[in-house]
């Protein structure tokens, strides 16, 4: 499997087919049992742990299936975390986070914590966190699962913008065949194996 810069790839398959595991292997969170994962011609699985961590902080953006934000932090502080981890000053990071939240229609909720917003608002904040530092690769695991149609459109448009305007590779795991069909290409998994690449 190969993903080009600026390409949006929809990853589809039944529950348990290995979609989330694939994202975890491609991002270096799991080590594949066989084969190799290359980022800019460098094998991720053979990198020292610290280099892999730095790669994920600086070059990758993640939207996990259940958001996985830090409960004790406000939304704006959650979204600013990738910038802070890159050494961006707090005030500048918060401004960038606020802009990203506003792009997703929830800028007014920046001071609220995870427990004070709805599931859909939480998912949009997770997407804002994934995109705030303009990553080279975005791993999106069911990013629209908790969203209505209108907000799903906003999220898809932002992922598409990340690819088109910033040259990011976007891997979009989804059960929504309509959404997957709008990607540049689809890959289908079954039983942990890639069975179709169209």
C-alpha atoms as a PDB file:
ATOM      1  CA  UNK A   1       0.000   0.000   0.000  1.00  0.00           C
ATOM      2  CA  UNK A   2       1.277   3.440  -0.945  1.00  0.00           C
ATOM      3  CA  UNK A   3      -0.213   6.830  -0.075  1.00  0.00           C
ATOM      4  CA  UNK A   4       0.943   9.959  -1.884  1.00  0.00           C
ATOM      5  CA  UNK A   5       1.244  13.464  -0.416  1.00  0.00           C
ATOM      6  CA  UNK A   6      -2.026  15.300  -0.924  1.00  0.00           C
ATOM      7  CA  UNK A   7      -4.014  12.070  -1.356  1.00  0.00           C
ATOM      8  CA  UNK A   8      -7.133  11.128   0.622  1.00  0.00           C
ATOM      9  CA  UNK A   9      -7.524   7.356   0.978  1.00  0.00           C
ATOM     10  CA  UNK A  10     -10.740   5.857   2.345  1.00  0.00           C
ATOM     11  CA  UNK A  11     -10.159   2.664   4.345  1.00  0.00           C
ATOM     12  CA  UNK A  12     -13.260   0.458   4.515  1.00  0.00           C
ATOM     13  CA  UNK A  13     -14.135  -2.990   5.785  1.00  0.00           C
ATOM     14  CA  UNK A  14     -16.360  -4.796   8.255  1.00  0.00           C
ATOM     15  CA  UNK A  15     -15.904  -4.392  12.008  1.00  0.00           C
ATOM     16  CA  UNK A  16     -12.910  -6.439  13.085  1.00  0.00           C
ATOM     17  CA  UNK A  17     -11.330  -6.446   9.630  1.00  0.00           C
ATOM     18  CA  UNK A  18      -8.199  -4.648  10.854  1.00  0.00           C
ATOM     19  CA  UNK A  19      -8.815  -1.012   9.906  1.00  0.00           C
ATOM     20  CA  UNK A  20      -7.744   0.489  13.243  1.00  0.00           C
ATOM     21  CA  UNK A  21      -4.828  -1.951  13.499  1.00  0.00           C
ATOM     22  CA  UNK A  22      -3.681  -0.829  10.050  1.00  0.00           C
ATOM     23  CA  UNK A  23      -3.660   2.821  11.179  1.00  0.00           C
ATOM     24  CA  UNK A  24      -1.741   1.885  14.322  1.00  0.00           C
ATOM     25  CA  UNK A  25       0.890   0.011  12.292  1.00  0.00           C
ATOM     26  CA  UNK A  26       1.238   2.800   9.738  1.00  0.00           C
ATOM     27  CA  UNK A  27       1.671   5.401  12.485  1.00  0.00           C
ATOM     28  CA  UNK A  28       4.221   3.411  14.474  1.00  0.00           C
ATOM     29  CA  UNK A  29       1.928   2.816  17.456  1.00  0.00           C
ATOM     30  CA  UNK A  30       2.155  -0.924  16.701  1.00  0.00           C
ATOM     31  CA  UNK A  31       4.988  -2.852  15.079  1.00  0.00           C
ATOM     32  CA  UNK A  32       3.839  -4.972  12.127  1.00  0.00           C
ATOM     33  CA  UNK A  33       4.532  -8.700  12.361  1.00  0.00           C
ATOM     34  CA  UNK A  34       5.815  -8.691   8.784  1.00  0.00           C
ATOM     35  CA  UNK A  35       6.806  -6.102   6.237  1.00  0.00           C
ATOM     36  CA  UNK A  36       7.890  -2.519   6.711  1.00  0.00           C
ATOM     37  CA  UNK A  37       6.290   0.913   7.031  1.00  0.00           C
ATOM     38  CA  UNK A  38       8.208   3.685   5.290  1.00  0.00           C
ATOM     39  CA  UNK A  39       7.831   7.406   5.876  1.00  0.00           C
ATOM     40  CA  UNK A  40      10.007   9.459   3.523  1.00  0.00           C
ATOM     41  CA  UNK A  41      11.926   6.262   2.717  1.00  0.00           C
ATOM     42  CA  UNK A  42      12.725   5.618   6.395  1.00  0.00           C
ATOM     43  CA  UNK A  43      11.401   2.435   8.062  1.00  0.00           C
ATOM     44  CA  UNK A  44       9.357   3.529  11.063  1.00  0.00           C
ATOM     45  CA  UNK A  45       9.498   0.197  12.911  1.00  0.00           C
ATOM     46  CA  UNK A  46      13.309   0.278  13.144  1.00  0.00           C
ATOM     47  CA  UNK A  47      13.487   3.845  14.473  1.00  0.00           C
ATOM     48  CA  UNK A  48      14.430   4.343  18.130  1.00  0.00           C
ATOM     49  CA  UNK A  49      11.362   4.922  20.331  1.00  0.00           C
ATOM     50  CA  UNK A  50      12.226   8.600  20.862  1.00  0.00           C
ATOM     51  CA  UNK A  51      12.481   9.212  17.117  1.00  0.00           C
ATOM     52  CA  UNK A  52       9.117   7.512  16.567  1.00  0.00           C
ATOM     53  CA  UNK A  53       7.557   9.683  19.282  1.00  0.00           C
ATOM     54  CA  UNK A  54       9.004  12.814  17.669  1.00  0.00           C
ATOM     55  CA  UNK A  55       7.717  11.705  14.274  1.00  0.00           C
ATOM     56  CA  UNK A  56       4.188  11.356  15.634  1.00  0.00           C
ATOM     57  CA  UNK A  57       4.376  14.721  17.434  1.00  0.00           C
ATOM     58  CA  UNK A  58       5.708  16.676  14.470  1.00  0.00           C
ATOM     59  CA  UNK A  59       4.483  14.966  11.309  1.00  0.00           C
ATOM     60  CA  UNK A  60       1.368  12.963  12.158  1.00  0.00           C
ATOM     61  CA  UNK A  61      -2.129  13.998  13.202  1.00  0.00           C
ATOM     62  CA  UNK A  62      -4.539  11.575  14.855  1.00  0.00           C
ATOM     63  CA  UNK A  63      -8.301  11.476  15.139  1.00  0.00           C
ATOM     64  CA  UNK A  64      -9.089   8.466  17.295  1.00  0.00           C
ATOM     65  CA  UNK A  65     -12.468   6.749  17.218  1.00  0.00           C
ATOM     66  CA  UNK A  66     -13.480   7.992  20.663  1.00  0.00           C
ATOM     67  CA  UNK A  67     -11.743  11.384  20.700  1.00  0.00           C
ATOM     68  CA  UNK A  68      -9.247  10.610  23.486  1.00  0.00           C
ATOM     69  CA  UNK A  69      -8.905  14.185  24.721  1.00  0.00           C
ATOM     70  CA  UNK A  70      -7.442  14.966  28.160  1.00  0.00           C
ATOM     71  CA  UNK A  71     -10.502  15.272  30.459  1.00  0.00           C
ATOM     72  CA  UNK A  72      -8.931  17.799  32.850  1.00  0.00           C
ATOM     73  CA  UNK A  73      -8.046  20.303  30.117  1.00  0.00           C
ATOM     74  CA  UNK A  74     -10.235  22.790  28.305  1.00  0.00           C
ATOM     75  CA  UNK A  75     -10.910  22.178  24.624  1.00  0.00           C
ATOM     76  CA  UNK A  76      -8.544  24.974  23.600  1.00  0.00           C
ATOM     77  CA  UNK A  77      -5.766  23.541  25.764  1.00  0.00           C
ATOM     78  CA  UNK A  78      -6.375  20.052  24.334  1.00  0.00           C
ATOM     79  CA  UNK A  79      -6.180  21.371  20.781  1.00  0.00           C
ATOM     80  CA  UNK A  80      -3.055  23.414  21.525  1.00  0.00           C
ATOM     81  CA  UNK A  81      -1.141  20.356  22.836  1.00  0.00           C
ATOM     82  CA  UNK A  82       0.492  19.391  19.490  1.00  0.00           C
ATOM     83  CA  UNK A  83       1.782  22.954  19.119  1.00  0.00           C
ATOM     84  CA  UNK A  84       3.039  23.099  22.713  1.00  0.00           C
ATOM     85  CA  UNK A  85       4.870  19.783  22.222  1.00  0.00           C
ATOM     86  CA  UNK A  86       6.665  21.392  19.268  1.00  0.00           C
ATOM     87  CA  UNK A  87       7.824  24.268  21.482  1.00  0.00           C
ATOM     88  CA  UNK A  88       5.266  26.890  20.413  1.00  0.00           C
ATOM     89  CA  UNK A  89       4.660  29.464  23.170  1.00  0.00           C
ATOM     90  CA  UNK A  90       1.432  29.035  25.139  1.00  0.00           C
ATOM     91  CA  UNK A  91      -0.333  32.200  23.940  1.00  0.00           C
ATOM     92  CA  UNK A  92       0.483  31.529  20.283  1.00  0.00           C
ATOM     93  CA  UNK A  93      -0.541  27.875  20.605  1.00  0.00           C
ATOM     94  CA  UNK A  94      -3.871  28.894  22.161  1.00  0.00           C
ATOM     95  CA  UNK A  95      -4.513  31.351  19.319  1.00  0.00           C
ATOM     96  CA  UNK A  96      -3.852  28.638  16.744  1.00  0.00           C
ATOM     97  CA  UNK A  97      -6.085  26.224  18.657  1.00  0.00           C
ATOM     98  CA  UNK A  98      -8.885  28.784  18.824  1.00  0.00           C
ATOM     99  CA  UNK A  99      -8.702  29.366  15.056  1.00  0.00           C
ATOM    100  CA  UNK A 100      -8.944  25.621  14.432  1.00  0.00           C
ATOM    101  CA  UNK A 101     -11.904  25.271  16.800  1.00  0.00           C
ATOM    102  CA  UNK A 102     -13.619  28.182  15.046  1.00  0.00           C
ATOM    103  CA  UNK A 103     -13.110  26.459  11.683  1.00  0.00           C
ATOM    104  CA  UNK A 104     -15.131  23.562  13.089  1.00  0.00           C
ATOM    105  CA  UNK A 105     -17.856  25.807  14.504  1.00  0.00           C
ATOM    106  CA  UNK A 106     -17.000  25.354  18.180  1.00  0.00           C
ATOM    107  CA  UNK A 107     -14.713  28.287  18.915  1.00  0.00           C
ATOM    108  CA  UNK A 108     -17.184  29.506  21.534  1.00  0.00           C
ATOM    109  CA  UNK A 109     -16.651  26.282  23.536  1.00  0.00           C
ATOM    110  CA  UNK A 110     -12.877  26.619  23.917  1.00  0.00           C
ATOM    111  CA  UNK A 111     -12.955  27.198  27.667  1.00  0.00           C
ATOM    112  CA  UNK A 112     -15.119  24.159  28.385  1.00  0.00           C
ATOM    113  CA  UNK A 113     -13.753  20.797  29.471  1.00  0.00           C
ATOM    114  CA  UNK A 114     -14.433  17.407  27.909  1.00  0.00           C
ATOM    115  CA  UNK A 115     -17.321  16.664  30.292  1.00  0.00           C
ATOM    116  CA  UNK A 116     -19.075  19.915  29.438  1.00  0.00           C
ATOM    117  CA  UNK A 117     -19.637  19.335  25.707  1.00  0.00           C
ATOM    118  CA  UNK A 118     -21.597  16.887  23.586  1.00  0.00           C
ATOM    119  CA  UNK A 119     -20.124  13.850  21.853  1.00  0.00           C
ATOM    120  CA  UNK A 120     -20.262  15.579  18.485  1.00  0.00           C
ATOM    121  CA  UNK A 121     -18.549  18.694  19.844  1.00  0.00           C
ATOM    122  CA  UNK A 122     -15.915  16.496  21.445  1.00  0.00           C
ATOM    123  CA  UNK A 123     -15.240  14.751  18.137  1.00  0.00           C
ATOM    124  CA  UNK A 124     -14.870  18.092  16.368  1.00  0.00           C
ATOM    125  CA  UNK A 125     -12.369  19.182  19.035  1.00  0.00           C
ATOM    126  CA  UNK A 126     -10.406  15.956  18.446  1.00  0.00           C
ATOM    127  CA  UNK A 127     -10.313  16.750  14.736  1.00  0.00           C
ATOM    128  CA  UNK A 128      -9.131  20.287  15.491  1.00  0.00           C
ATOM    129  CA  UNK A 129      -6.308  18.832  17.602  1.00  0.00           C
ATOM    130  CA  UNK A 130      -5.288  16.505  14.756  1.00  0.00           C
ATOM    131  CA  UNK A 131      -5.075  19.340  12.223  1.00  0.00           C
ATOM    132  CA  UNK A 132      -3.789  22.296  14.267  1.00  0.00           C
ATOM    133  CA  UNK A 133      -0.086  21.701  13.531  1.00  0.00           C
ATOM    134  CA  UNK A 134      -0.635  20.963   9.804  1.00  0.00           C
ATOM    135  CA  UNK A 135       0.674  17.396   9.871  1.00  0.00           C
ATOM    136  CA  UNK A 136       2.124  15.585   6.860  1.00  0.00           C
ATOM    137  CA  UNK A 137      -0.079  12.552   7.510  1.00  0.00           C
ATOM    138  CA  UNK A 138      -3.541  12.499   9.099  1.00  0.00           C
ATOM    139  CA  UNK A 139      -4.809   9.212  10.542  1.00  0.00           C
ATOM    140  CA  UNK A 140      -8.578   9.579  10.966  1.00  0.00           C
ATOM    141  CA  UNK A 141     -10.401   6.654  12.582  1.00  0.00           C
ATOM    142  CA  UNK A 142     -14.169   7.142  12.085  1.00  0.00           C
ATOM    143  CA  UNK A 143     -13.869  10.949  12.392  1.00  0.00           C
ATOM    144  CA  UNK A 144     -17.529  11.552  11.538  1.00  0.00           C
ATOM    145  CA  UNK A 145     -19.022   8.676  13.538  1.00  0.00           C
ATOM    146  CA  UNK A 146     -20.567  10.964  16.187  1.00  0.00           C
ATOM    147  CA  UNK A 147     -21.540  13.789  13.826  1.00  0.00           C
ATOM    148  CA  UNK A 148     -24.684  14.736  11.929  1.00  0.00           C
ATOM    149  CA  UNK A 149     -24.625  15.146   8.145  1.00  0.00           C
ATOM    150  CA  UNK A 150     -23.885  18.883   8.198  1.00  0.00           C
ATOM    151  CA  UNK A 151     -20.918  18.555  10.555  1.00  0.00           C
ATOM    152  CA  UNK A 152     -19.674  15.476   8.695  1.00  0.00           C
ATOM    153  CA  UNK A 153     -19.468  17.680   5.613  1.00  0.00           C
ATOM    154  CA  UNK A 154     -17.454  20.293   7.535  1.00  0.00           C
ATOM    155  CA  UNK A 155     -15.031  17.654   8.783  1.00  0.00           C
ATOM    156  CA  UNK A 156     -14.598  16.062   5.369  1.00  0.00           C
ATOM    157  CA  UNK A 157     -13.982  19.493   3.836  1.00  0.00           C
ATOM    158  CA  UNK A 158     -11.274  20.214   6.423  1.00  0.00           C
ATOM    159  CA  UNK A 159      -9.577  16.875   5.798  1.00  0.00           C
ATOM    160  CA  UNK A 160      -9.726  17.545   2.068  1.00  0.00           C
ATOM    161  CA  UNK A 161      -8.255  21.025   2.592  1.00  0.00           C
ATOM    162  CA  UNK A 162      -5.432  19.507   4.634  1.00  0.00           C
ATOM    163  CA  UNK A 163      -4.635  17.281   1.681  1.00  0.00           C
ATOM    164  CA  UNK A 164      -5.125  19.773  -1.141  1.00  0.00           C
ATOM    165  CA  UNK A 165      -3.673  22.931   0.384  1.00  0.00           C
ATOM    166  CA  UNK A 166      -1.062  21.507   2.737  1.00  0.00           C
ATOM    167  CA  UNK A 167      -0.083  18.340   0.860  1.00  0.00           C
ATOM    168  CA  UNK A 168      -1.032  16.000   3.701  1.00  0.00           C
ATOM    169  CA  UNK A 169      -1.692  12.314   3.154  1.00  0.00           C
ATOM    170  CA  UNK A 170      -5.063  11.497   4.742  1.00  0.00           C
ATOM    171  CA  UNK A 171      -6.071   7.967   5.731  1.00  0.00           C
ATOM    172  CA  UNK A 172      -9.764   7.966   6.535  1.00  0.00           C
ATOM    173  CA  UNK A 173     -11.226   4.876   8.200  1.00  0.00           C
ATOM    174  CA  UNK A 174     -14.993   4.946   7.850  1.00  0.00           C
ATOM    175  CA  UNK A 175     -18.091   2.768   7.738  1.00  0.00           C
ATOM    176  CA  UNK A 176     -19.763   5.509   5.686  1.00  0.00           C
ATOM    177  CA  UNK A 177     -19.495   4.232   2.100  1.00  0.00           C
ATOM    178  CA  UNK A 178     -20.728   7.588   0.759  1.00  0.00           C
ATOM    179  CA  UNK A 179     -17.893   9.379   2.538  1.00  0.00           C
ATOM    180  CA  UNK A 180     -15.318   6.788   1.464  1.00  0.00           C
ATOM    181  CA  UNK A 181     -16.477   7.107  -2.139  1.00  0.00           C
ATOM    182  CA  UNK A 182     -15.525  10.795  -2.075  1.00  0.00           C
ATOM    183  CA  UNK A 183     -11.908   9.987  -1.230  1.00  0.00           C
ATOM    184  CA  UNK A 184      -9.357   9.905  -4.053  1.00  0.00           C
ATOM    185  CA  UNK A 185      -9.075   6.157  -3.631  1.00  0.00           C
ATOM    186  CA  UNK A 186     -10.504   3.374  -1.474  1.00  0.00           C
ATOM    187  CA  UNK A 187      -8.795   0.391   0.081  1.00  0.00           C
ATOM    188  CA  UNK A 188     -10.794  -2.502   1.488  1.00  0.00           C
ATOM    189  CA  UNK A 189      -9.687  -4.750   4.334  1.00  0.00           C
ATOM    190  CA  UNK A 190     -11.007  -8.207   5.187  1.00  0.00           C
ATOM    191  CA  UNK A 191      -9.583 -10.494   7.840  1.00  0.00           C
ATOM    192  CA  UNK A 192      -6.594  -8.214   8.380  1.00  0.00           C
ATOM    193  CA  UNK A 193      -5.636  -8.249   4.709  1.00  0.00           C
ATOM    194  CA  UNK A 194      -5.861  -5.679   1.949  1.00  0.00           C
ATOM    195  CA  UNK A 195      -8.265  -7.261  -0.536  1.00  0.00           C
ATOM    196  CA  UNK A 196      -9.000  -4.347  -2.855  1.00  0.00           C
ATOM    197  CA  UNK A 197      -7.303  -1.083  -3.764  1.00  0.00           C
ATOM    198  CA  UNK A 198      -9.309   1.049  -6.188  1.00  0.00           C
END
